[in-house]
Amino acid sequence: MVLERSERELVEACRRGDREGFRELFETYRNRVYSVALRFSGDEASAMDIAQDTFVKLFSCIREFRGEAAFETWVYRMVVNSCLDRKRRDRRWLPMADDLLATLRAQGDALSEMLRWELSLRVRAAVDRLSPELRMAIVLRYTEGMAYGQIAEVLGCSLGTVASRLNRAHKALEKRLARIGKESGHA
């Protein structure tokens, strides 16, 4: 969506309580916020809750935005915090039975679809087992396509920390996914 007003104007409008400004900011960032939340949580309902929490926080705290970083970075930081808050509150994962049933009911080659689904679940499970810090680095890098510098800014850490987290995540995923290949006879 193309902004009708500049980001700075929208932030100022939101600070004044302008509902249209809130709507424009929401429309601009809702897909990105939801995407990060979904990739982090792995569950649509949780992602919706995280996105909602993020926007409630964003709109209640918009007066605190000082403009020292890009507004987009501030939004990403808020969704990262909401994801980590949710993870601390929810130490359990919801089953994916509905998704499996939907796949089985889908038309086409059911066996091929089942195998892809199984592999997808195993990869997601491997990512889900990463620590929240490593998982968020993976989500921001590969789902959101952020550069290391952007990730560092969003996570409030150094470039070296981002590189280290991604390196550790890659090694952990390589080890876990190698086991999957051996179990399925592909290695």
C-alpha atoms as a PDB file:
ATOM      1  CA  MET A   1       0.000   0.000   0.000  1.00  0.00           C
ATOM      2  CA  VAL A   2       1.308   3.431  -0.880  1.00  0.00           C
ATOM      3  CA  LEU A   3       1.106   5.882   1.984  1.00  0.00           C
ATOM      4  CA  GLU A   4      -1.078   8.857   1.295  1.00  0.00           C
ATOM      5  CA  ARG A   5       0.873  10.853   3.839  1.00  0.00           C
ATOM      6  CA  SER A   6       4.500  10.623   4.855  1.00  0.00           C
ATOM      7  CA  GLU A   7       5.315   8.342   7.762  1.00  0.00           C
ATOM      8  CA  ARG A   8       6.263  11.328   9.900  1.00  0.00           C
ATOM      9  CA  GLU A   9       2.879  12.939   9.199  1.00  0.00           C
ATOM     10  CA  LEU A  10       1.112   9.687  10.053  1.00  0.00           C
ATOM     11  CA  VAL A  11       2.969   9.339  13.338  1.00  0.00           C
ATOM     12  CA  GLU A  12       2.092  12.922  14.228  1.00  0.00           C
ATOM     13  CA  ALA A  13      -1.545  12.322  13.280  1.00  0.00           C
ATOM     14  CA  CYS A  14      -1.605   9.225  15.496  1.00  0.00           C
ATOM     15  CA  ARG A  15      -0.120  11.188  18.376  1.00  0.00           C
ATOM     16  CA  ARG A  16      -3.023  13.628  18.018  1.00  0.00           C
ATOM     17  CA  GLY A  17      -5.513  10.724  18.100  1.00  0.00           C
ATOM     18  CA  ASP A  18      -6.414  10.877  14.394  1.00  0.00           C
ATOM     19  CA  ARG A  19      -8.302   7.638  13.625  1.00  0.00           C
ATOM     20  CA  GLU A  20      -7.523   7.872   9.914  1.00  0.00           C
ATOM     21  CA  GLY A  21      -3.802   8.078  10.727  1.00  0.00           C
ATOM     22  CA  PHE A  22      -4.126   4.950  12.869  1.00  0.00           C
ATOM     23  CA  ARG A  23      -5.911   3.169  10.044  1.00  0.00           C
ATOM     24  CA  GLU A  24      -3.243   4.125   7.505  1.00  0.00           C
ATOM     25  CA  LEU A  25      -0.414   2.928   9.765  1.00  0.00           C
ATOM     26  CA  PHE A  26      -2.290  -0.289  10.487  1.00  0.00           C
ATOM     27  CA  GLU A  27      -2.887  -0.918   6.780  1.00  0.00           C
ATOM     28  CA  THR A  28       0.762  -0.219   6.023  1.00  0.00           C
ATOM     29  CA  TYR A  29       2.226  -2.565   8.633  1.00  0.00           C
ATOM     30  CA  ARG A  30      -0.399  -5.232   9.317  1.00  0.00           C
ATOM     31  CA  ASN A  31       0.934  -7.795   6.829  1.00  0.00           C
ATOM     32  CA  ARG A  32       4.544  -7.405   7.988  1.00  0.00           C
ATOM     33  CA  VAL A  33       3.581  -7.644  11.661  1.00  0.00           C
ATOM     34  CA  TYR A  34       1.404 -10.686  11.030  1.00  0.00           C
ATOM     35  CA  SER A  35       4.112 -12.348   8.922  1.00  0.00           C
ATOM     36  CA  VAL A  36       6.732 -12.066  11.673  1.00  0.00           C
ATOM     37  CA  ALA A  37       4.221 -13.252  14.273  1.00  0.00           C
ATOM     38  CA  LEU A  38       3.165 -16.224  12.138  1.00  0.00           C
ATOM     39  CA  ARG A  39       6.715 -17.303  11.359  1.00  0.00           C
ATOM     40  CA  PHE A  40       7.659 -17.027  15.012  1.00  0.00           C
ATOM     41  CA  SER A  41       4.587 -18.739  16.471  1.00  0.00           C
ATOM     42  CA  GLY A  42       3.811 -21.195  13.678  1.00  0.00           C
ATOM     43  CA  ASP A  43       0.115 -20.822  14.454  1.00  0.00           C
ATOM     44  CA  GLU A  44      -2.387 -18.511  12.748  1.00  0.00           C
ATOM     45  CA  ALA A  45      -4.484 -17.886  15.868  1.00  0.00           C
ATOM     46  CA  SER A  46      -1.416 -17.073  17.961  1.00  0.00           C
ATOM     47  CA  ALA A  47      -0.072 -14.863  15.177  1.00  0.00           C
ATOM     48  CA  MET A  48      -3.346 -12.917  15.114  1.00  0.00           C
ATOM     49  CA  ASP A  49      -3.150 -12.475  18.903  1.00  0.00           C
ATOM     50  CA  ILE A  50       0.481 -11.355  18.694  1.00  0.00           C
ATOM     51  CA  ALA A  51      -0.332  -8.922  15.867  1.00  0.00           C
ATOM     52  CA  GLN A  52      -3.246  -7.516  17.845  1.00  0.00           C
ATOM     53  CA  ASP A  53      -1.068  -7.126  20.950  1.00  0.00           C
ATOM     54  CA  THR A  54       1.568  -5.408  18.827  1.00  0.00           C
ATOM     55  CA  PHE A  55      -0.849  -2.844  17.410  1.00  0.00           C
ATOM     56  CA  VAL A  56      -2.428  -2.177  20.794  1.00  0.00           C
ATOM     57  CA  LYS A  57       1.053  -1.509  22.204  1.00  0.00           C
ATOM     58  CA  LEU A  58       2.067   0.490  19.147  1.00  0.00           C
ATOM     59  CA  PHE A  59      -0.911   2.805  19.321  1.00  0.00           C
ATOM     60  CA  SER A  60      -0.758   3.198  23.091  1.00  0.00           C
ATOM     61  CA  CYS A  61       2.987   3.950  23.000  1.00  0.00           C
ATOM     62  CA  ILE A  62       3.235   5.980  19.790  1.00  0.00           C
ATOM     63  CA  ARG A  63       3.957   9.130  21.790  1.00  0.00           C
ATOM     64  CA  GLU A  64       7.155   7.435  22.990  1.00  0.00           C
ATOM     65  CA  PHE A  65       8.502   7.091  19.443  1.00  0.00           C
ATOM     66  CA  ARG A  66      11.370   9.579  19.331  1.00  0.00           C
ATOM     67  CA  GLY A  67      12.371   9.169  15.701  1.00  0.00           C
ATOM     68  CA  GLU A  68      15.944   8.095  16.516  1.00  0.00           C
ATOM     69  CA  ALA A  69      15.429   5.025  14.325  1.00  0.00           C
ATOM     70  CA  ALA A  70      13.162   4.473  11.351  1.00  0.00           C
ATOM     71  CA  PHE A  71       9.519   4.011  12.312  1.00  0.00           C
ATOM     72  CA  GLU A  72       9.570   0.657  10.503  1.00  0.00           C
ATOM     73  CA  THR A  73      12.384  -0.506  12.797  1.00  0.00           C
ATOM     74  CA  TRP A  74      10.371   0.574  15.830  1.00  0.00           C
ATOM     75  CA  VAL A  75       7.365  -1.438  14.552  1.00  0.00           C
ATOM     76  CA  TYR A  76       9.534  -4.519  13.998  1.00  0.00           C
ATOM     77  CA  ARG A  77      10.970  -4.134  17.498  1.00  0.00           C
ATOM     78  CA  MET A  78       7.442  -4.037  18.904  1.00  0.00           C
ATOM     79  CA  VAL A  79       6.421  -7.235  17.111  1.00  0.00           C
ATOM     80  CA  VAL A  80       9.641  -8.951  18.217  1.00  0.00           C
ATOM     81  CA  ASN A  81       8.883  -7.979  21.815  1.00  0.00           C
ATOM     82  CA  SER A  82       5.288  -9.181  21.471  1.00  0.00           C
ATOM     83  CA  CYS A  83       6.518 -12.529  20.101  1.00  0.00           C
ATOM     84  CA  LEU A  84       8.981 -12.977  22.947  1.00  0.00           C
ATOM     85  CA  ASP A  85       6.339 -11.926  25.504  1.00  0.00           C
ATOM     86  CA  ARG A  86       3.941 -14.505  24.052  1.00  0.00           C
ATOM     87  CA  LYS A  87       6.638 -17.175  24.162  1.00  0.00           C
ATOM     88  CA  ARG A  88       7.260 -16.458  27.823  1.00  0.00           C
ATOM     89  CA  ARG A  89       3.527 -16.678  28.570  1.00  0.00           C
ATOM     90  CA  ASP A  90       2.800 -19.697  26.357  1.00  0.00           C
ATOM     91  CA  ARG A  91       5.232 -22.483  27.026  1.00  0.00           C
ATOM     92  CA  ARG A  92       3.136 -24.886  24.973  1.00  0.00           C
ATOM     93  CA  TRP A  93       2.382 -25.394  21.295  1.00  0.00           C
ATOM     94  CA  LEU A  94      -0.987 -26.037  19.710  1.00  0.00           C
ATOM     95  CA  PRO A  95      -1.396 -29.225  17.675  1.00  0.00           C
ATOM     96  CA  MET A  96      -1.547 -28.919  13.907  1.00  0.00           C
ATOM     97  CA  ALA A  97      -4.214 -31.590  13.385  1.00  0.00           C
ATOM     98  CA  ASP A  98      -6.508 -29.252  11.446  1.00  0.00           C
ATOM     99  CA  ASP A  99      -3.738 -28.450   8.961  1.00  0.00           C
ATOM    100  CA  LEU A 100      -2.971 -32.144   8.494  1.00  0.00           C
ATOM    101  CA  LEU A 101      -6.635 -32.947   7.869  1.00  0.00           C
ATOM    102  CA  ALA A 102      -6.873 -30.107   5.349  1.00  0.00           C
ATOM    103  CA  THR A 103      -3.846 -31.501   3.508  1.00  0.00           C
ATOM    104  CA  LEU A 104      -5.335 -34.981   3.415  1.00  0.00           C
ATOM    105  CA  ARG A 105      -8.581 -33.598   1.999  1.00  0.00           C
ATOM    106  CA  ALA A 106      -6.800 -31.517  -0.644  1.00  0.00           C
ATOM    107  CA  GLN A 107      -7.102 -32.642  -4.219  1.00  0.00           C
ATOM    108  CA  GLY A 108      -4.065 -33.869  -6.089  1.00  0.00           C
ATOM    109  CA  ASP A 109      -1.410 -36.394  -5.274  1.00  0.00           C
ATOM    110  CA  ALA A 110      -2.150 -37.089  -1.606  1.00  0.00           C
ATOM    111  CA  LEU A 111       1.042 -39.075  -0.956  1.00  0.00           C
ATOM    112  CA  SER A 112       3.278 -36.392  -2.445  1.00  0.00           C
ATOM    113  CA  GLU A 113       1.414 -33.734  -0.494  1.00  0.00           C
ATOM    114  CA  MET A 114       1.762 -35.784   2.708  1.00  0.00           C
ATOM    115  CA  LEU A 115       5.512 -36.117   2.208  1.00  0.00           C
ATOM    116  CA  ARG A 116       5.902 -32.381   1.599  1.00  0.00           C
ATOM    117  CA  TRP A 117       3.734 -31.679   4.621  1.00  0.00           C
ATOM    118  CA  GLU A 118       5.796 -34.031   6.797  1.00  0.00           C
ATOM    119  CA  LEU A 119       9.043 -32.420   5.686  1.00  0.00           C
ATOM    120  CA  SER A 120       7.578 -28.957   6.250  1.00  0.00           C
ATOM    121  CA  LEU A 121       6.493 -29.946   9.766  1.00  0.00           C
ATOM    122  CA  ARG A 122       9.920 -31.321  10.576  1.00  0.00           C
ATOM    123  CA  VAL A 123      11.684 -28.212   9.305  1.00  0.00           C
ATOM    124  CA  ARG A 124       9.273 -26.000  11.229  1.00  0.00           C
ATOM    125  CA  ALA A 125       9.791 -28.152  14.330  1.00  0.00           C
ATOM    126  CA  ALA A 126      13.560 -27.779  13.958  1.00  0.00           C
ATOM    127  CA  VAL A 127      13.187 -23.996  13.760  1.00  0.00           C
ATOM    128  CA  ASP A 128      10.704 -24.011  16.656  1.00  0.00           C
ATOM    129  CA  ARG A 129      13.254 -25.788  18.878  1.00  0.00           C
ATOM    130  CA  LEU A 130      15.722 -22.932  18.463  1.00  0.00           C
ATOM    131  CA  SER A 131      15.952 -20.506  21.348  1.00  0.00           C
ATOM    132  CA  PRO A 132      13.699 -17.452  20.895  1.00  0.00           C
ATOM    133  CA  GLU A 133      16.713 -15.242  20.111  1.00  0.00           C
ATOM    134  CA  LEU A 134      18.002 -17.578  17.376  1.00  0.00           C
ATOM    135  CA  ARG A 135      14.515 -18.194  15.976  1.00  0.00           C
ATOM    136  CA  MET A 136      13.764 -14.467  15.748  1.00  0.00           C
ATOM    137  CA  ALA A 137      17.041 -13.864  13.889  1.00  0.00           C
ATOM    138  CA  ILE A 138      16.052 -16.611  11.408  1.00  0.00           C
ATOM    139  CA  VAL A 139      12.530 -15.192  10.991  1.00  0.00           C
ATOM    140  CA  LEU A 140      13.759 -11.650  10.386  1.00  0.00           C
ATOM    141  CA  ARG A 141      16.486 -12.773   7.972  1.00  0.00           C
ATOM    142  CA  TYR A 142      14.647 -15.354   5.894  1.00  0.00           C
ATOM    143  CA  THR A 143      10.979 -14.486   6.252  1.00  0.00           C
ATOM    144  CA  GLU A 144      11.278 -10.724   6.295  1.00  0.00           C
ATOM    145  CA  GLY A 145      14.409 -10.585   4.127  1.00  0.00           C
ATOM    146  CA  MET A 146      16.137  -8.122   6.422  1.00  0.00           C
ATOM    147  CA  ALA A 147      19.818  -7.313   6.125  1.00  0.00           C
ATOM    148  CA  TYR A 148      22.077  -7.915   9.124  1.00  0.00           C
ATOM    149  CA  GLY A 149      22.127  -4.194   9.936  1.00  0.00           C
ATOM    150  CA  GLN A 150      18.331  -4.016  10.015  1.00  0.00           C
ATOM    151  CA  ILE A 151      18.133  -7.098  12.221  1.00  0.00           C
ATOM    152  CA  ALA A 152      20.683  -5.600  14.601  1.00  0.00           C
ATOM    153  CA  GLU A 153      18.644  -2.424  14.821  1.00  0.00           C
ATOM    154  CA  VAL A 154      15.353  -4.275  15.388  1.00  0.00           C
ATOM    155  CA  LEU A 155      16.817  -6.605  18.003  1.00  0.00           C
ATOM    156  CA  GLY A 156      18.879  -3.879  19.651  1.00  0.00           C
ATOM    157  CA  CYS A 157      22.168  -5.738  19.340  1.00  0.00           C
ATOM    158  CA  SER A 158      25.396  -5.503  17.350  1.00  0.00           C
ATOM    159  CA  LEU A 159      26.039  -6.809  13.832  1.00  0.00           C
ATOM    160  CA  GLY A 160      28.399  -9.355  15.355  1.00  0.00           C
ATOM    161  CA  THR A 161      25.634 -10.639  17.617  1.00  0.00           C
ATOM    162  CA  VAL A 162      23.303 -11.008  14.639  1.00  0.00           C
ATOM    163  CA  ALA A 163      25.979 -12.886  12.698  1.00  0.00           C
ATOM    164  CA  SER A 164      26.679 -15.090  15.701  1.00  0.00           C
ATOM    165  CA  ARG A 165      22.994 -15.877  16.262  1.00  0.00           C
ATOM    166  CA  LEU A 166      22.451 -16.727  12.614  1.00  0.00           C
ATOM    167  CA  ASN A 167      25.599 -18.851  12.538  1.00  0.00           C
ATOM    168  CA  ARG A 168      24.515 -20.770  15.657  1.00  0.00           C
ATOM    169  CA  ALA A 169      21.005 -21.189  14.238  1.00  0.00           C
ATOM    170  CA  HIS A 170      22.369 -22.456  10.903  1.00  0.00           C
ATOM    171  CA  LYS A 171      24.583 -25.011  12.659  1.00  0.00           C
ATOM    172  CA  ALA A 172      21.729 -26.220  14.873  1.00  0.00           C
ATOM    173  CA  LEU A 173      19.368 -26.494  11.907  1.00  0.00           C
ATOM    174  CA  GLU A 174      21.990 -28.256   9.802  1.00  0.00           C
ATOM    175  CA  LYS A 175      22.470 -30.848  12.529  1.00  0.00           C
ATOM    176  CA  ARG A 176      18.738 -31.359  13.090  1.00  0.00           C
ATOM    177  CA  LEU A 177      17.860 -31.451   9.413  1.00  0.00           C
ATOM    178  CA  ALA A 178      20.702 -33.886   8.641  1.00  0.00           C
ATOM    179  CA  ARG A 179      18.964 -36.324  10.986  1.00  0.00           C
ATOM    180  CA  ILE A 180      15.764 -35.889   8.992  1.00  0.00           C
ATOM    181  CA  GLY A 181      17.617 -36.744   5.778  1.00  0.00           C
ATOM    182  CA  LYS A 182      19.093 -39.886   7.336  1.00  0.00           C
ATOM    183  CA  GLU A 183      15.708 -40.986   8.712  1.00  0.00           C
ATOM    184  CA  SER A 184      14.049 -40.604   5.310  1.00  0.00           C
ATOM    185  CA  GLY A 185      16.929 -42.281   3.444  1.00  0.00           C
ATOM    186  CA  HIS A 186      18.054 -39.119   1.610  1.00  0.00           C
ATOM    187  CA  ALA A 187      21.503 -38.826   3.146  1.00  0.00           C
END
